[in-house]
Amino acid sequence: IAVEKARLEQELEGLQEQAKSVEDQLLVISNLGEQIDLAKQSLAESEKRLKERENIMALVQSARERQAELKAENEALKADMNDLKERIDSLKAAEGASCPLCGQELSPEHRMATLLQLESEGKQEGDRFRANQAESAELVKQITDYEIQVSKLASAENDRVQYASEVSQLTERLDTLQALAKDWESS
């Protein structure tokens, strides 16, 4: 009886140690749940930053395309304005009865009306040219701002990978500990 009592007391001691170990694991499980929640929040934040970065990069692309359109339009406007200037100079220098532009008879009133019309067209194209230049300069500032924002969000991809890995590792550890606790309870 004494030998059996000693064996049972020893087994009881072992079971109490295991119970303490399981309690510690349950505490760890609780902490792991909190860590997983924090890691998931960080993961969601990094995914949000990544999406923001993609949106900003799309804005940069759009701004660059608009800038290219403005440059092409300004080159066409410059050519038109040069052509108008030549026509105005030719009309101002023309002496005689025929128009150097269309070949029709040129009266002083017709000359003045044509000059005013050409100068008006030139002014409109010049205004548009300057407006395009101003918009292009504004786009340069926007692109610079966007690129600064993109550089600030550069770590988002690495963060997302890191937090996804962390969530995966913590979840795996949690599952292992829960399985051990379940085995302990059933045994």
Protein backbone atom coordinates (compact mmCIF):
# COMPACT_ATOMS: atom_id res chain seq x y z
CA ILE A 1 0.00 0.00 0.00
CA ALA A 2 2.85 2.37 0.90
CA VAL A 3 4.54 1.70 -2.47
CA GLU A 4 1.27 2.23 -4.35
CA LYS A 5 0.60 5.39 -2.31
CA ALA A 6 4.07 6.75 -3.20
CA ARG A 7 3.53 5.92 -6.88
CA LEU A 8 0.12 7.64 -6.89
CA GLU A 9 1.53 10.69 -5.09
CA GLN A 10 4.31 10.87 -7.65
CA GLU A 11 1.77 10.55 -10.50
CA LEU A 12 -0.39 13.25 -8.85
CA GLU A 13 2.66 15.52 -8.62
CA GLY A 14 3.38 14.93 -12.32
CA LEU A 15 -0.22 15.66 -13.23
CA GLN A 16 -0.16 18.88 -11.15
CA GLU A 17 2.99 19.99 -12.98
CA GLN A 18 1.31 19.24 -16.31
CA ALA A 19 -1.78 21.15 -15.17
CA LYS A 20 0.40 24.15 -14.32
CA SER A 21 2.11 23.87 -17.69
CA VAL A 22 -1.29 23.79 -19.42
CA GLU A 23 -2.44 26.84 -17.42
CA ASP A 24 0.70 28.65 -18.56
CA GLN A 25 -0.06 27.61 -22.13
CA LEU A 26 -3.62 28.91 -21.80
CA LEU A 27 -2.20 32.25 -20.65
CA VAL A 28 0.14 32.20 -23.65
CA ILE A 29 -2.85 31.37 -25.87
CA SER A 30 -4.65 34.43 -24.54
CA ASN A 31 -1.59 36.60 -25.22
CA LEU A 32 -1.21 35.07 -28.68
CA GLY A 33 -4.79 36.03 -29.49
CA GLU A 34 -4.00 39.65 -28.64
CA GLN A 35 -0.76 39.52 -30.64
CA ILE A 36 -2.62 38.08 -33.62
CA ASP A 37 -5.22 40.85 -33.42
CA LEU A 38 -2.48 43.50 -33.33
CA ALA A 39 -0.65 41.85 -36.22
CA LYS A 40 -3.89 41.70 -38.23
CA GLN A 41 -4.49 45.40 -37.57
CA SER A 42 -0.95 46.17 -38.71
CA LEU A 43 -1.47 43.99 -41.77
CA ALA A 44 -4.69 45.80 -42.64
CA GLU A 45 -2.95 49.16 -42.18
CA SER A 46 -0.06 48.12 -44.43
CA GLU A 47 -2.51 46.88 -47.08
CA LYS A 48 -4.33 50.22 -46.86
CA ARG A 49 -1.02 52.05 -47.30
CA LEU A 50 -0.16 49.81 -50.23
CA LYS A 51 -3.50 50.59 -51.89
CA GLU A 52 -2.93 54.30 -51.24
CA ARG A 53 0.51 54.00 -52.85
CA GLU A 54 -1.01 52.32 -55.93
CA ASN A 55 -3.62 55.09 -56.18
CA ILE A 56 -0.95 57.78 -55.96
CA MET A 57 1.15 56.03 -58.59
CA ALA A 58 -1.92 56.02 -60.86
CA LEU A 59 -2.28 59.77 -60.25
CA VAL A 60 1.39 60.27 -61.15
CA GLN A 61 0.87 58.33 -64.39
CA SER A 62 -2.23 60.37 -65.19
CA ALA A 63 -0.42 63.65 -64.47
CA ARG A 64 2.49 62.63 -66.71
CA GLU A 65 0.12 61.75 -69.52
CA ARG A 66 -1.62 65.12 -69.17
CA GLN A 67 1.76 66.84 -69.14
CA ALA A 68 2.68 65.09 -72.41
CA GLU A 69 -0.65 66.17 -73.94
CA LEU A 70 -0.02 69.78 -72.92
CA LYS A 71 3.49 69.70 -74.36
CA ALA A 72 2.23 68.35 -77.69
CA GLU A 73 -0.58 70.91 -77.77
CA ASN A 74 1.84 73.75 -77.00
CA GLU A 75 4.16 72.67 -79.80
CA ALA A 76 1.21 72.77 -82.21
CA LEU A 77 0.10 76.15 -80.82
CA LYS A 78 3.62 77.55 -81.20
CA ALA A 79 3.71 76.47 -84.84
CA ASP A 80 0.26 78.03 -85.41
CA MET A 81 1.31 81.26 -83.69
CA ASN A 82 4.47 81.46 -85.81
CA ASP A 83 2.36 80.92 -88.93
CA LEU A 84 -0.07 83.65 -87.79
CA LYS A 85 2.82 86.02 -87.11
CA GLU A 86 4.19 85.45 -90.61
CA ARG A 87 0.75 86.08 -92.08
CA ILE A 88 0.34 89.28 -90.03
CA ASP A 89 3.82 90.51 -91.01
CA SER A 90 3.12 89.68 -94.64
CA LEU A 91 -0.20 91.50 -94.50
CA LYS A 92 1.32 94.56 -92.81
CA ALA A 93 4.14 94.69 -95.35
CA ALA A 94 1.84 94.24 -98.35
CA GLU A 95 1.58 97.26 -100.60
CA GLY A 96 -0.82 97.37 -103.44
CA ALA A 97 -4.25 96.21 -104.31
CA SER A 98 -4.06 92.39 -103.84
CA CYS A 99 -3.97 90.41 -100.59
CA PRO A 100 -0.73 88.42 -100.15
CA LEU A 101 -2.70 85.73 -98.28
CA CYS A 102 -5.70 85.04 -100.48
CA GLY A 103 -4.94 87.01 -103.67
CA GLN A 104 -8.20 89.02 -103.57
CA GLU A 105 -8.38 92.74 -103.89
CA LEU A 106 -7.28 94.36 -100.62
CA SER A 107 -9.03 97.46 -99.41
CA PRO A 108 -7.76 99.34 -96.31
CA GLU A 109 -10.84 98.19 -94.38
CA HIS A 110 -10.32 94.57 -95.43
CA ARG A 111 -6.65 94.80 -94.48
CA MET A 112 -7.54 96.19 -91.02
CA ALA A 113 -10.31 93.63 -90.42
CA THR A 114 -8.03 90.77 -91.47
CA LEU A 115 -5.20 92.07 -89.25
CA LEU A 116 -7.56 92.37 -86.28
CA GLN A 117 -8.90 88.86 -86.87
CA LEU A 118 -5.39 87.37 -87.17
CA GLU A 119 -4.18 89.24 -84.10
CA SER A 120 -7.24 88.07 -82.16
CA GLU A 121 -6.54 84.45 -83.15
CA GLY A 122 -2.90 84.92 -82.16
CA LYS A 123 -3.93 86.32 -78.77
CA GLN A 124 -6.30 83.42 -78.13
CA GLU A 125 -3.64 80.88 -79.04
CA GLY A 126 -1.08 82.75 -76.93
CA ASP A 127 -3.45 82.76 -73.96
CA ARG A 128 -4.04 79.04 -74.38
CA PHE A 129 -0.28 78.45 -74.72
CA ARG A 130 0.39 80.32 -71.45
CA ALA A 131 -2.48 78.52 -69.69
CA ASN A 132 -1.02 75.18 -70.80
CA GLN A 133 2.41 76.21 -69.53
CA ALA A 134 0.93 77.18 -66.15
CA GLU A 135 -0.98 73.89 -65.92
CA SER A 136 2.16 71.99 -66.87
CA ALA A 137 4.14 73.78 -64.14
CA GLU A 138 1.39 72.90 -61.64
CA LEU A 139 1.55 69.27 -62.79
CA VAL A 140 5.30 69.22 -62.15
CA LYS A 141 4.63 70.32 -58.55
CA GLN A 142 1.89 67.70 -58.16
CA ILE A 143 4.10 64.94 -59.54
CA THR A 144 6.86 65.92 -57.11
CA ASP A 145 4.40 65.85 -54.20
CA TYR A 146 3.04 62.49 -55.33
CA GLU A 147 6.54 61.03 -55.63
CA ILE A 148 7.33 62.19 -52.08
CA GLN A 149 4.16 60.47 -50.86
CA VAL A 150 5.06 57.31 -52.78
CA SER A 151 8.53 57.27 -51.23
CA LYS A 152 6.98 57.60 -47.77
CA LEU A 153 4.79 54.59 -48.54
CA ALA A 154 7.65 52.56 -50.05
CA SER A 155 7.89 50.27 -47.03
CA ALA A 156 4.21 49.27 -47.28
CA GLU A 157 4.92 46.16 -49.38
CA ASN A 158 7.64 44.94 -47.01
CA ASP A 159 5.42 45.69 -44.01
CA ARG A 160 2.54 43.77 -45.56
CA VAL A 161 4.74 40.71 -46.14
CA GLN A 162 6.17 40.96 -42.62
CA TYR A 163 2.78 41.25 -40.92
CA ALA A 164 1.23 38.50 -43.05
CA SER A 165 4.10 36.22 -42.03
CA GLU A 166 3.72 37.23 -38.39
CA VAL A 167 -0.02 36.52 -38.44
CA SER A 168 0.64 33.14 -40.04
CA GLN A 169 3.32 32.17 -37.49
CA LEU A 170 1.28 33.31 -34.50
CA THR A 171 -1.83 31.53 -35.76
CA GLU A 172 0.15 28.33 -36.28
CA ARG A 173 1.60 28.56 -32.78
CA LEU A 174 -1.85 29.26 -31.34
CA ASP A 175 -3.32 26.23 -33.14
CA THR A 176 -0.51 24.01 -31.80
CA LEU A 177 -1.00 25.20 -28.21
CA GLN A 178 -4.78 24.82 -28.43
CA ALA A 179 -4.35 21.25 -29.73
CA LEU A 180 -2.01 20.45 -26.82
CA ALA A 181 -4.46 21.92 -24.31
CA LYS A 182 -7.31 19.93 -25.85
CA ASP A 183 -5.25 16.73 -25.67
CA TRP A 184 -4.46 17.47 -22.01
CA GLU A 185 -8.12 18.00 -21.18
CA SER A 186 -9.22 14.84 -22.94
CA SER A 187 -6.47 12.75 -21.32
